[in-house]
Amino acid sequence: TFKAEREENTRATDREKMAGKLEGDRVIKVAAICGSLRRASKNRGILRAAMKMCAEGEVEGMEMEHIDISVLPMINMDMVVDGKYPPIVEEFRSKIRAADAVFFASPEYNYSVSPLLKNALDWASRAPNAWGDKAAAIVSVEGSGKCGQYHLRQIGVFLDLHFINKPEFFLNGVEPPSKFDNNGDLIDEAVRLKLKQLLLSLHAFATRLIKGKC
């Protein structure tokens, strides 16, 4: 009957609205990676600030998990036996595969990325490539120089990592006034707001990539 059809159409519309809401509310899972080993690293401080913004809901719809790459052995394919990676490497690769996006915070070493980060990039790039088709962003705290970020973007082309173009985030960590406390924690409000804009941009870009796959 007409009444039954109208009720069914109403239920279908409600289901469509709910499906749209669930899709729009999808939480973006971000793997956070620091390319420095220093305990009071300012790059690590930036990463902690980004994680705090996500955890406290200042950047909605984003979960960020720190992935410790210091535990990875130096890449050596002799460690791959019968196509199986060492357990600690496979755990790392699995976490990268499960992420929707990657957030890098790393210093520059000799116009390039740090050895620690390069080792992680190489381990996860082995077949099947764990980095492929993910959104990414990078921040770096330096005295000077931007070559490390640009080199990581070049590496990302081969790895099929899609870096956001804007905003770029370069921070002079030695220029006064101090942006960090003695523990390496971010204390500058203007820098914090700039970091928030970067995270919002990463969220928007990752969401577009995911919807494009549907």
N, C-alpha and C. Protein backbone atom coordinates (compact mmCIF):
# COMPACT_ATOMS: atom_id res chain seq x y z
N THR A 1 0.84 -1.19 0.00
CA THR A 1 0.00 0.00 0.00
C THR A 1 0.88 1.24 0.00
N PHE A 2 0.20 2.39 -0.28
CA PHE A 2 0.94 3.66 -0.32
C PHE A 2 1.59 3.97 1.03
N LYS A 3 0.84 3.69 2.12
CA LYS A 3 1.36 3.98 3.46
C LYS A 3 2.59 3.13 3.74
N ALA A 4 2.52 1.84 3.36
CA ALA A 4 3.64 0.95 3.61
C ALA A 4 4.86 1.39 2.79
N GLU A 5 4.63 1.79 1.52
CA GLU A 5 5.73 2.25 0.68
C GLU A 5 6.38 3.51 1.26
N ARG A 6 5.52 4.43 1.77
CA ARG A 6 6.04 5.67 2.34
C ARG A 6 6.89 5.38 3.58
N GLU A 7 6.42 4.43 4.42
CA GLU A 7 7.19 4.08 5.62
C GLU A 7 8.52 3.43 5.24
N GLU A 8 8.50 2.58 4.21
CA GLU A 8 9.74 1.94 3.77
C GLU A 8 10.71 2.97 3.19
N ASN A 9 10.20 3.92 2.42
CA ASN A 9 11.05 4.99 1.88
C ASN A 9 11.66 5.83 2.99
N THR A 10 10.87 6.07 4.03
CA THR A 10 11.38 6.84 5.17
C THR A 10 12.50 6.09 5.87
N ARG A 11 12.29 4.78 6.05
CA ARG A 11 13.34 3.98 6.69
C ARG A 11 14.60 3.94 5.84
N ALA A 12 14.44 3.83 4.51
CA ALA A 12 15.59 3.80 3.61
C ALA A 12 16.35 5.12 3.67
N THR A 13 15.60 6.23 3.72
CA THR A 13 16.25 7.55 3.82
C THR A 13 17.02 7.67 5.12
N ASP A 14 16.42 7.16 6.20
CA ASP A 14 17.10 7.21 7.50
C ASP A 14 18.39 6.38 7.47
N ARG A 15 18.32 5.22 6.79
CA ARG A 15 19.51 4.38 6.69
C ARG A 15 20.61 5.08 5.90
N GLU A 16 20.22 5.76 4.82
CA GLU A 16 21.19 6.49 4.01
C GLU A 16 21.83 7.62 4.80
N LYS A 17 20.99 8.32 5.59
CA LYS A 17 21.54 9.41 6.40
C LYS A 17 22.51 8.87 7.44
N MET A 18 22.15 7.73 8.05
CA MET A 18 23.02 7.14 9.05
C MET A 18 24.34 6.66 8.43
N ALA A 19 24.23 6.08 7.23
CA ALA A 19 25.44 5.62 6.54
C ALA A 19 26.34 6.80 6.23
N GLY A 20 25.74 7.91 5.78
CA GLY A 20 26.52 9.12 5.49
C GLY A 20 27.16 9.67 6.73
N LYS A 21 26.43 9.63 7.84
CA LYS A 21 26.97 10.13 9.11
C LYS A 21 28.15 9.29 9.56
N LEU A 22 28.01 7.96 9.44
CA LEU A 22 29.09 7.09 9.85
C LEU A 22 30.33 7.30 8.98
N GLU A 23 30.10 7.51 7.69
CA GLU A 23 31.23 7.74 6.79
C GLU A 23 31.91 9.05 7.14
N GLY A 24 31.11 10.08 7.41
CA GLY A 24 31.68 11.38 7.75
C GLY A 24 32.39 11.36 9.07
N ASP A 25 31.97 10.49 9.98
CA ASP A 25 32.57 10.42 11.31
C ASP A 25 33.76 9.47 11.37
N ARG A 26 34.17 8.91 10.26
CA ARG A 26 35.25 7.94 10.25
C ARG A 26 36.51 8.55 10.86
N VAL A 27 37.07 7.85 11.82
CA VAL A 27 38.28 8.33 12.49
C VAL A 27 39.50 8.00 11.63
N ILE A 28 40.34 8.98 11.40
CA ILE A 28 41.56 8.79 10.65
C ILE A 28 42.65 8.32 11.60
N LYS A 29 43.21 7.14 11.32
CA LYS A 29 44.26 6.58 12.16
C LYS A 29 45.63 6.97 11.60
N VAL A 30 46.42 7.61 12.44
CA VAL A 30 47.70 8.16 12.00
C VAL A 30 48.85 7.49 12.74
N ALA A 31 49.83 7.03 11.99
CA ALA A 31 51.07 6.51 12.57
C ALA A 31 52.03 7.68 12.72
N ALA A 32 52.46 7.94 13.95
CA ALA A 32 53.36 9.06 14.24
C ALA A 32 54.78 8.54 14.40
N ILE A 33 55.71 9.09 13.63
CA ILE A 33 57.07 8.59 13.60
C ILE A 33 58.06 9.72 13.83
N CYS A 34 58.97 9.51 14.78
CA CYS A 34 60.00 10.50 15.07
C CYS A 34 61.34 9.99 14.57
N GLY A 35 62.05 10.85 13.85
CA GLY A 35 63.35 10.47 13.29
C GLY A 35 64.52 10.79 14.18
N SER A 36 64.28 11.11 15.44
CA SER A 36 65.35 11.46 16.37
C SER A 36 65.34 10.52 17.56
N LEU A 37 66.53 10.22 18.08
CA LEU A 37 66.67 9.38 19.26
C LEU A 37 66.86 10.19 20.54
N ARG A 38 67.13 11.47 20.42
CA ARG A 38 67.41 12.29 21.59
C ARG A 38 66.22 12.37 22.52
N ARG A 39 66.46 12.22 23.80
CA ARG A 39 65.39 12.20 24.80
C ARG A 39 64.62 13.52 24.82
N ALA A 40 65.35 14.64 24.75
CA ALA A 40 64.71 15.96 24.78
C ALA A 40 64.63 16.56 23.38
N SER A 41 64.52 15.70 22.37
CA SER A 41 64.43 16.15 20.99
C SER A 41 63.24 17.08 20.78
N LYS A 42 63.49 18.19 20.10
CA LYS A 42 62.41 19.13 19.81
C LYS A 42 61.46 18.56 18.76
N ASN A 43 61.99 17.75 17.87
CA ASN A 43 61.11 17.08 16.91
C ASN A 43 60.17 16.12 17.63
N ARG A 44 60.70 15.44 18.64
CA ARG A 44 59.85 14.56 19.45
C ARG A 44 58.82 15.38 20.23
N GLY A 45 59.23 16.60 20.66
CA GLY A 45 58.30 17.49 21.36
C GLY A 45 57.14 17.92 20.47
N ILE A 46 57.43 18.18 19.19
CA ILE A 46 56.38 18.51 18.23
C ILE A 46 55.43 17.33 18.07
N LEU A 47 56.00 16.14 17.98
CA LEU A 47 55.17 14.94 17.84
C LEU A 47 54.26 14.77 19.05
N ARG A 48 54.80 14.97 20.25
CA ARG A 48 53.97 14.85 21.46
C ARG A 48 52.84 15.87 21.46
N ALA A 49 53.14 17.08 21.01
CA ALA A 49 52.10 18.12 20.97
C ALA A 49 51.00 17.73 19.99
N ALA A 50 51.37 17.15 18.86
CA ALA A 50 50.38 16.73 17.87
C ALA A 50 49.51 15.61 18.43
N MET A 51 50.13 14.66 19.11
CA MET A 51 49.38 13.55 19.71
C MET A 51 48.42 14.05 20.78
N LYS A 52 48.85 15.03 21.54
CA LYS A 52 47.99 15.58 22.59
C LYS A 52 46.77 16.27 22.00
N MET A 53 46.96 17.00 20.90
CA MET A 53 45.83 17.66 20.24
C MET A 53 44.79 16.65 19.79
N CYS A 54 45.26 15.54 19.26
CA CYS A 54 44.33 14.50 18.79
C CYS A 54 43.65 13.81 19.97
N ALA A 55 44.42 13.49 20.99
CA ALA A 55 43.88 12.77 22.13
C ALA A 55 42.85 13.59 22.90
N GLU A 56 43.05 14.90 22.96
CA GLU A 56 42.15 15.77 23.71
C GLU A 56 41.00 16.32 22.86
N GLY A 57 40.93 15.91 21.60
CA GLY A 57 39.81 16.31 20.75
C GLY A 57 39.94 17.67 20.13
N GLU A 58 41.09 18.30 20.27
CA GLU A 58 41.26 19.62 19.64
C GLU A 58 41.27 19.47 18.11
N VAL A 59 41.81 18.36 17.65
CA VAL A 59 41.70 17.97 16.24
C VAL A 59 40.78 16.76 16.21
N GLU A 60 39.54 16.96 15.80
CA GLU A 60 38.54 15.91 15.88
C GLU A 60 38.71 14.89 14.75
N GLY A 61 38.30 13.65 15.05
CA GLY A 61 38.29 12.62 14.03
C GLY A 61 39.65 12.08 13.66
N MET A 62 40.62 12.21 14.56
CA MET A 62 41.96 11.73 14.26
C MET A 62 42.57 11.07 15.49
N GLU A 63 43.05 9.85 15.33
CA GLU A 63 43.77 9.13 16.38
C GLU A 63 45.21 8.97 15.94
N MET A 64 46.13 9.33 16.81
CA MET A 64 47.55 9.27 16.47
C MET A 64 48.28 8.35 17.43
N GLU A 65 48.98 7.38 16.89
CA GLU A 65 49.75 6.43 17.69
C GLU A 65 51.23 6.56 17.37
N HIS A 66 52.04 6.72 18.41
CA HIS A 66 53.49 6.79 18.21
C HIS A 66 54.03 5.40 17.89
N ILE A 67 54.75 5.29 16.80
CA ILE A 67 55.37 4.04 16.40
C ILE A 67 56.87 4.17 16.65
N ASP A 68 57.38 3.39 17.59
CA ASP A 68 58.79 3.47 17.96
C ASP A 68 59.65 2.76 16.91
N ILE A 69 60.48 3.52 16.19
CA ILE A 69 61.32 2.92 15.16
C ILE A 69 62.74 2.67 15.66
N SER A 70 63.02 3.06 16.92
CA SER A 70 64.36 2.85 17.46
C SER A 70 64.65 1.38 17.72
N VAL A 71 63.60 0.57 17.79
CA VAL A 71 63.78 -0.86 18.09
C VAL A 71 64.08 -1.68 16.83
N LEU A 72 63.98 -1.08 15.68
CA LEU A 72 64.19 -1.82 14.44
C LEU A 72 65.68 -2.09 14.22
N PRO A 73 66.03 -3.31 13.81
CA PRO A 73 67.43 -3.59 13.48
C PRO A 73 67.79 -2.89 12.17
N MET A 74 69.10 -2.69 11.95
CA MET A 74 69.53 -2.16 10.67
C MET A 74 69.10 -3.12 9.57
N ILE A 75 68.55 -2.57 8.50
CA ILE A 75 67.98 -3.43 7.47
C ILE A 75 69.02 -4.37 6.89
N ASN A 76 68.65 -5.62 6.83
CA ASN A 76 69.51 -6.68 6.32
C ASN A 76 68.60 -7.79 5.82
N MET A 77 68.57 -7.98 4.51
CA MET A 77 67.64 -8.95 3.95
C MET A 77 68.02 -10.39 4.29
N ASP A 78 69.21 -10.60 4.86
CA ASP A 78 69.54 -11.94 5.35
C ASP A 78 68.68 -12.32 6.55
N MET A 79 68.04 -11.30 7.17
CA MET A 79 67.18 -11.55 8.32
C MET A 79 65.79 -12.02 7.89
N VAL A 80 65.51 -11.93 6.60
CA VAL A 80 64.22 -12.39 6.08
C VAL A 80 64.36 -13.86 5.70
N VAL A 81 63.65 -14.72 6.42
CA VAL A 81 63.77 -16.16 6.23
C VAL A 81 62.45 -16.73 5.71
N ASP A 82 62.52 -17.41 4.58
CA ASP A 82 61.32 -18.00 3.96
C ASP A 82 60.23 -16.95 3.76
N GLY A 83 60.66 -15.76 3.38
CA GLY A 83 59.71 -14.68 3.11
C GLY A 83 59.15 -14.01 4.34
N LYS A 84 59.64 -14.37 5.52
CA LYS A 84 59.12 -13.82 6.78
C LYS A 84 60.13 -12.84 7.38
N TYR A 85 59.62 -11.70 7.78
CA TYR A 85 60.45 -10.69 8.41
C TYR A 85 60.62 -11.01 9.90
N PRO A 86 61.67 -10.46 10.53
CA PRO A 86 61.80 -10.62 11.99
C PRO A 86 60.54 -10.11 12.68
N PRO A 87 60.11 -10.72 13.79
CA PRO A 87 58.86 -10.32 14.44
C PRO A 87 58.74 -8.84 14.72
N ILE A 88 59.82 -8.19 15.20
CA ILE A 88 59.75 -6.76 15.52
C ILE A 88 59.54 -5.93 14.26
N VAL A 89 60.09 -6.39 13.14
CA VAL A 89 59.91 -5.70 11.86
C VAL A 89 58.49 -5.91 11.35
N GLU A 90 57.99 -7.13 11.44
CA GLU A 90 56.63 -7.41 10.96
C GLU A 90 55.60 -6.66 11.77
N GLU A 91 55.84 -6.52 13.08
CA GLU A 91 54.93 -5.74 13.92
C GLU A 91 54.89 -4.29 13.46
N PHE A 92 56.06 -3.73 13.16
CA PHE A 92 56.15 -2.36 12.66
C PHE A 92 55.43 -2.23 11.32
N ARG A 93 55.68 -3.13 10.41
CA ARG A 93 55.05 -3.09 9.10
C ARG A 93 53.53 -3.19 9.21
N SER A 94 53.05 -4.03 10.12
CA SER A 94 51.61 -4.19 10.32
C SER A 94 50.97 -2.90 10.81
N LYS A 95 51.65 -2.19 11.70
CA LYS A 95 51.11 -0.93 12.22
C LYS A 95 51.05 0.13 11.12
N ILE A 96 52.04 0.13 10.24
CA ILE A 96 52.01 1.08 9.13
C ILE A 96 50.88 0.73 8.17
N ARG A 97 50.72 -0.54 7.87
CA ARG A 97 49.64 -0.96 6.96
C ARG A 97 48.27 -0.59 7.53
N ALA A 98 48.11 -0.67 8.85
CA ALA A 98 46.81 -0.42 9.47
C ALA A 98 46.47 1.07 9.54
N ALA A 99 47.47 1.92 9.35
CA ALA A 99 47.24 3.37 9.46
C ALA A 99 46.64 3.93 8.17
N ASP A 100 45.87 5.01 8.32
CA ASP A 100 45.35 5.73 7.16
C ASP A 100 46.32 6.78 6.68
N ALA A 101 47.16 7.27 7.59
CA ALA A 101 48.07 8.36 7.27
C ALA A 101 49.31 8.25 8.15
N VAL A 102 50.35 9.01 7.78
CA VAL A 102 51.60 8.99 8.53
C VAL A 102 52.03 10.42 8.83
N PHE A 103 52.46 10.64 10.07
CA PHE A 103 52.94 11.95 10.52
C PHE A 103 54.41 11.79 10.89
N PHE A 104 55.29 12.46 10.14
CA PHE A 104 56.72 12.38 10.38
C PHE A 104 57.20 13.64 11.09
N ALA A 105 58.03 13.46 12.12
CA ALA A 105 58.72 14.58 12.77
C ALA A 105 60.19 14.20 12.81
N SER A 106 61.01 14.91 12.04
CA SER A 106 62.39 14.45 11.92
C SER A 106 63.35 15.58 11.65
N PRO A 107 64.56 15.50 12.20
CA PRO A 107 65.60 16.46 11.87
C PRO A 107 66.20 16.15 10.50
N GLU A 108 67.05 17.04 10.05
CA GLU A 108 67.75 16.86 8.78
C GLU A 108 69.18 16.40 9.05
N TYR A 109 69.63 15.42 8.27
CA TYR A 109 70.99 14.94 8.38
C TYR A 109 71.64 15.03 7.00
N ASN A 110 72.63 15.89 6.86
CA ASN A 110 73.40 15.99 5.61
C ASN A 110 72.51 16.15 4.38
N TYR A 111 71.56 17.10 4.47
CA TYR A 111 70.63 17.38 3.36
C TYR A 111 69.62 16.26 3.13
N SER A 112 69.48 15.36 4.09
CA SER A 112 68.57 14.23 3.90
C SER A 112 67.87 13.91 5.22
N VAL A 113 67.19 12.78 5.26
CA VAL A 113 66.50 12.33 6.47
C VAL A 113 67.52 11.68 7.41
N SER A 114 67.14 11.48 8.65
CA SER A 114 68.04 10.86 9.61
C SER A 114 68.23 9.38 9.28
N PRO A 115 69.36 8.79 9.68
CA PRO A 115 69.57 7.36 9.44
C PRO A 115 68.48 6.50 10.07
N LEU A 116 68.02 6.91 11.24
CA LEU A 116 66.95 6.17 11.94
C LEU A 116 65.69 6.10 11.09
N LEU A 117 65.30 7.23 10.52
CA LEU A 117 64.09 7.28 9.70
C LEU A 117 64.28 6.53 8.39
N LYS A 118 65.45 6.69 7.78
CA LYS A 118 65.70 6.00 6.51
C LYS A 118 65.61 4.49 6.68
N ASN A 119 66.10 3.98 7.80
CA ASN A 119 66.03 2.55 8.06
C ASN A 119 64.58 2.08 8.15
N ALA A 120 63.75 2.87 8.82
CA ALA A 120 62.32 2.52 8.94
C ALA A 120 61.64 2.58 7.58
N LEU A 121 61.94 3.60 6.81
CA LEU A 121 61.36 3.72 5.47
C LEU A 121 61.71 2.50 4.63
N ASP A 122 62.95 2.06 4.72
CA ASP A 122 63.39 0.93 3.91
C ASP A 122 62.72 -0.38 4.34
N TRP A 123 62.63 -0.61 5.65
CA TRP A 123 62.01 -1.86 6.12
C TRP A 123 60.56 -1.96 5.65
N ALA A 124 59.81 -0.89 5.78
CA ALA A 124 58.38 -0.95 5.43
C ALA A 124 58.14 -0.86 3.93
N SER A 125 59.19 -0.54 3.17
CA SER A 125 59.02 -0.44 1.72
C SER A 125 59.17 -1.78 1.02
N ARG A 126 59.73 -2.76 1.73
CA ARG A 126 59.92 -4.06 1.10
C ARG A 126 58.57 -4.70 0.79
N ALA A 127 58.54 -5.49 -0.26
CA ALA A 127 57.28 -6.06 -0.73
C ALA A 127 56.62 -6.95 0.33
N PRO A 128 55.30 -6.75 0.50
CA PRO A 128 54.47 -5.70 -0.10
C PRO A 128 54.66 -4.36 0.61
N ASN A 129 54.78 -3.30 -0.17
CA ASN A 129 55.04 -1.96 0.35
C ASN A 129 53.96 -1.52 1.33
N ALA A 130 54.35 -1.27 2.58
CA ALA A 130 53.38 -0.89 3.62
C ALA A 130 52.99 0.58 3.57
N TRP A 131 53.79 1.39 2.87
CA TRP A 131 53.52 2.84 2.83
C TRP A 131 52.50 3.22 1.76
N GLY A 132 52.23 2.36 0.84
CA GLY A 132 51.51 2.71 -0.36
C GLY A 132 50.15 3.35 -0.17
N ASP A 133 49.92 4.44 -0.90
CA ASP A 133 48.62 5.10 -1.02
C ASP A 133 48.12 5.68 0.30
N LYS A 134 49.03 6.16 1.13
CA LYS A 134 48.65 6.80 2.39
C LYS A 134 48.95 8.29 2.33
N ALA A 135 48.12 9.07 3.01
CA ALA A 135 48.40 10.50 3.17
C ALA A 135 49.53 10.67 4.17
N ALA A 136 50.29 11.75 4.04
CA ALA A 136 51.41 11.97 4.95
C ALA A 136 51.68 13.45 5.14
N ALA A 137 52.30 13.76 6.27
CA ALA A 137 52.73 15.13 6.57
C ALA A 137 54.05 15.05 7.29
N ILE A 138 54.85 16.11 7.18
CA ILE A 138 56.15 16.13 7.84
C ILE A 138 56.38 17.47 8.51
N VAL A 139 56.95 17.43 9.70
CA VAL A 139 57.39 18.63 10.41
C VAL A 139 58.86 18.43 10.78
N SER A 140 59.57 19.53 10.88
CA SER A 140 60.97 19.42 11.28
C SER A 140 61.39 20.68 12.03
N VAL A 141 62.17 20.45 13.06
CA VAL A 141 62.73 21.54 13.85
C VAL A 141 64.23 21.54 13.61
N GLU A 142 64.74 22.65 13.07
CA GLU A 142 66.15 22.72 12.69
C GLU A 142 66.72 24.07 13.10
N GLY A 143 68.05 24.15 13.02
CA GLY A 143 68.68 25.46 13.11
C GLY A 143 68.52 26.18 11.79
N SER A 144 68.61 25.43 10.72
CA SER A 144 68.40 25.96 9.37
C SER A 144 68.27 24.77 8.43
N GLY A 145 67.82 25.04 7.20
CA GLY A 145 67.79 23.99 6.20
C GLY A 145 66.43 23.34 6.02
N LYS A 146 66.07 23.08 4.74
CA LYS A 146 64.80 22.45 4.41
C LYS A 146 65.00 21.22 3.53
N CYS A 147 66.25 20.89 3.27
CA CYS A 147 66.53 19.82 2.30
C CYS A 147 66.02 18.47 2.77
N GLY A 148 66.05 18.22 4.09
CA GLY A 148 65.60 16.94 4.60
C GLY A 148 64.15 16.66 4.28
N GLN A 149 63.31 17.68 4.44
CA GLN A 149 61.89 17.51 4.12
C GLN A 149 61.70 17.24 2.64
N TYR A 150 62.39 18.00 1.81
CA TYR A 150 62.21 17.84 0.38
C TYR A 150 62.73 16.48 -0.09
N HIS A 151 63.78 15.98 0.55
CA HIS A 151 64.28 14.65 0.18
C HIS A 151 63.27 13.58 0.59
N LEU A 152 62.64 13.75 1.74
CA LEU A 152 61.62 12.78 2.16
C LEU A 152 60.45 12.79 1.18
N ARG A 153 60.10 13.95 0.68
CA ARG A 153 59.03 14.02 -0.32
C ARG A 153 59.43 13.28 -1.59
N GLN A 154 60.70 13.38 -1.97
CA GLN A 154 61.18 12.63 -3.14
C GLN A 154 61.10 11.13 -2.90
N ILE A 155 61.51 10.70 -1.72
CA ILE A 155 61.42 9.29 -1.37
C ILE A 155 59.96 8.83 -1.41
N GLY A 156 59.07 9.72 -0.96
CA GLY A 156 57.65 9.41 -0.94
C GLY A 156 57.07 9.13 -2.31
N VAL A 157 57.65 9.72 -3.34
CA VAL A 157 57.18 9.45 -4.71
C VAL A 157 57.35 7.98 -5.04
N PHE A 158 58.52 7.42 -4.71
CA PHE A 158 58.76 6.01 -4.99
C PHE A 158 57.91 5.10 -4.10
N LEU A 159 57.71 5.54 -2.84
CA LEU A 159 56.96 4.72 -1.88
C LEU A 159 55.45 4.86 -2.05
N ASP A 160 55.00 5.75 -2.94
CA ASP A 160 53.57 6.00 -3.14
C ASP A 160 52.94 6.61 -1.90
N LEU A 161 53.71 7.44 -1.18
CA LEU A 161 53.20 8.23 -0.07
C LEU A 161 52.74 9.58 -0.61
N HIS A 162 51.59 10.04 -0.19
CA HIS A 162 51.03 11.28 -0.71
C HIS A 162 51.13 12.38 0.35
N PHE A 163 52.15 13.21 0.25
CA PHE A 163 52.36 14.28 1.22
C PHE A 163 51.45 15.47 0.92
N ILE A 164 50.90 16.06 1.97
CA ILE A 164 50.15 17.30 1.78
C ILE A 164 51.14 18.38 1.36
N ASN A 165 50.68 19.29 0.52
CA ASN A 165 51.56 20.36 0.03
C ASN A 165 51.60 21.57 0.96
N LYS A 166 50.46 21.88 1.54
CA LYS A 166 50.36 23.05 2.39
C LYS A 166 49.51 22.70 3.62
N PRO A 167 49.82 23.27 4.79
CA PRO A 167 50.97 24.16 5.01
C PRO A 167 52.25 23.37 5.21
N GLU A 168 53.37 23.97 4.80
CA GLU A 168 54.67 23.40 5.14
C GLU A 168 55.00 23.80 6.57
N PHE A 169 55.78 22.96 7.23
CA PHE A 169 56.10 23.23 8.64
C PHE A 169 57.60 23.09 8.86
N PHE A 170 58.29 24.24 8.87
CA PHE A 170 59.70 24.30 9.22
C PHE A 170 59.81 25.22 10.44
N LEU A 171 60.53 24.79 11.44
CA LEU A 171 60.66 25.60 12.65
C LEU A 171 62.13 25.73 13.04
N ASN A 172 62.56 26.96 13.20
CA ASN A 172 63.92 27.23 13.67
C ASN A 172 63.93 27.02 15.18
N GLY A 173 64.58 25.98 15.62
CA GLY A 173 64.55 25.62 17.03
C GLY A 173 65.52 26.36 17.91
N VAL A 174 66.40 27.16 17.32
CA VAL A 174 67.40 27.87 18.11
C VAL A 174 67.17 29.37 18.15
N GLU A 175 66.33 29.87 17.28
CA GLU A 175 66.06 31.31 17.24
C GLU A 175 65.20 31.72 18.43
N PRO A 176 65.60 32.76 19.20
CA PRO A 176 64.79 33.20 20.34
C PRO A 176 63.52 33.90 19.86
N PRO A 177 62.47 33.92 20.72
CA PRO A 177 62.41 33.29 22.03
C PRO A 177 62.25 31.77 21.92
N SER A 178 62.55 31.08 23.01
CA SER A 178 62.52 29.63 22.99
C SER A 178 61.09 29.12 22.76
N LYS A 179 60.98 28.13 21.89
CA LYS A 179 59.68 27.52 21.58
C LYS A 179 59.42 26.26 22.41
N PHE A 180 60.46 25.80 23.14
CA PHE A 180 60.37 24.55 23.89
C PHE A 180 60.95 24.74 25.29
N ASP A 181 60.47 23.92 26.21
CA ASP A 181 61.05 23.95 27.56
C ASP A 181 62.26 22.99 27.60
N ASN A 182 62.83 22.80 28.78
CA ASN A 182 64.03 21.97 28.91
C ASN A 182 63.78 20.50 28.62
N ASN A 183 62.54 20.08 28.67
CA ASN A 183 62.19 18.68 28.36
C ASN A 183 61.88 18.45 26.89
N GLY A 184 61.95 19.55 26.11
CA GLY A 184 61.63 19.44 24.69
C GLY A 184 60.16 19.57 24.38
N ASP A 185 59.34 19.99 25.35
CA ASP A 185 57.90 20.14 25.13
C ASP A 185 57.60 21.51 24.52
N LEU A 186 56.69 21.53 23.58
CA LEU A 186 56.31 22.76 22.90
C LEU A 186 55.57 23.69 23.84
N ILE A 187 55.99 24.97 23.90
CA ILE A 187 55.35 25.93 24.79
C ILE A 187 54.91 27.19 24.05
N ASP A 188 55.15 27.25 22.75
CA ASP A 188 54.82 28.45 21.97
C ASP A 188 53.42 28.30 21.36
N GLU A 189 52.52 29.23 21.67
CA GLU A 189 51.14 29.13 21.22
C GLU A 189 51.01 29.30 19.72
N ALA A 190 51.79 30.23 19.13
CA ALA A 190 51.70 30.46 17.69
C ALA A 190 52.13 29.21 16.91
N VAL A 191 53.17 28.55 17.39
CA VAL A 191 53.63 27.32 16.74
C VAL A 191 52.59 26.22 16.91
N ARG A 192 51.99 26.16 18.07
CA ARG A 192 50.96 25.16 18.33
C ARG A 192 49.78 25.32 17.37
N LEU A 193 49.36 26.55 17.12
CA LEU A 193 48.26 26.81 16.20
C LEU A 193 48.64 26.43 14.76
N LYS A 194 49.90 26.69 14.41
CA LYS A 194 50.38 26.30 13.08
C LYS A 194 50.37 24.79 12.93
N LEU A 195 50.76 24.11 13.98
CA LEU A 195 50.74 22.64 13.98
C LEU A 195 49.32 22.12 13.84
N LYS A 196 48.38 22.76 14.50
CA LYS A 196 46.98 22.35 14.40
C LYS A 196 46.48 22.47 12.97
N GLN A 197 46.85 23.53 12.28
CA GLN A 197 46.43 23.70 10.89
C GLN A 197 47.00 22.59 10.00
N LEU A 198 48.22 22.18 10.29
CA LEU A 198 48.82 21.08 9.54
C LEU A 198 48.03 19.79 9.76
N LEU A 199 47.65 19.52 11.00
CA LEU A 199 46.90 18.30 11.31
C LEU A 199 45.52 18.33 10.66
N LEU A 200 44.88 19.47 10.66
CA LEU A 200 43.57 19.59 10.01
C LEU A 200 43.69 19.34 8.51
N SER A 201 44.76 19.83 7.92
CA SER A 201 44.99 19.61 6.50
C SER A 201 45.24 18.14 6.22
N LEU A 202 46.01 17.48 7.08
CA LEU A 202 46.27 16.05 6.91
C LEU A 202 44.98 15.25 7.04
N HIS A 203 44.15 15.63 8.00
CA HIS A 203 42.86 14.94 8.19
C HIS A 203 42.00 15.07 6.93
N ALA A 204 41.91 16.28 6.40
CA ALA A 204 41.07 16.52 5.22
C ALA A 204 41.58 15.74 4.02
N PHE A 205 42.89 15.74 3.83
CA PHE A 205 43.48 15.05 2.68
C PHE A 205 43.32 13.54 2.80
N ALA A 206 43.56 13.00 4.00
CA ALA A 206 43.41 11.56 4.21
C ALA A 206 41.96 11.14 3.99
N THR A 207 41.02 11.95 4.43
CA THR A 207 39.60 11.65 4.23
C THR A 207 39.25 11.60 2.75
N ARG A 208 39.80 12.54 1.96
CA ARG A 208 39.53 12.53 0.51
C ARG A 208 40.11 11.27 -0.14
N LEU A 209 41.30 10.88 0.27
CA LEU A 209 41.91 9.67 -0.30
C LEU A 209 41.08 8.43 0.01
N ILE A 210 40.59 8.35 1.25
CA ILE A 210 39.79 7.19 1.64
C ILE A 210 38.48 7.15 0.87
N LYS A 211 37.83 8.27 0.73
CA LYS A 211 36.55 8.32 0.00
C LYS A 211 36.77 7.99 -1.46
N GLY A 212 37.95 8.35 -1.99
CA GLY A 212 38.25 8.04 -3.38
C GLY A 212 38.42 6.57 -3.65
N LYS A 213 38.72 5.80 -2.61
CA LYS A 213 38.89 4.36 -2.74
C LYS A 213 37.56 3.61 -2.67
N CYS A 214 36.52 4.29 -2.13
CA CYS A 214 35.23 3.61 -1.92
C CYS A 214 34.48 3.40 -3.23
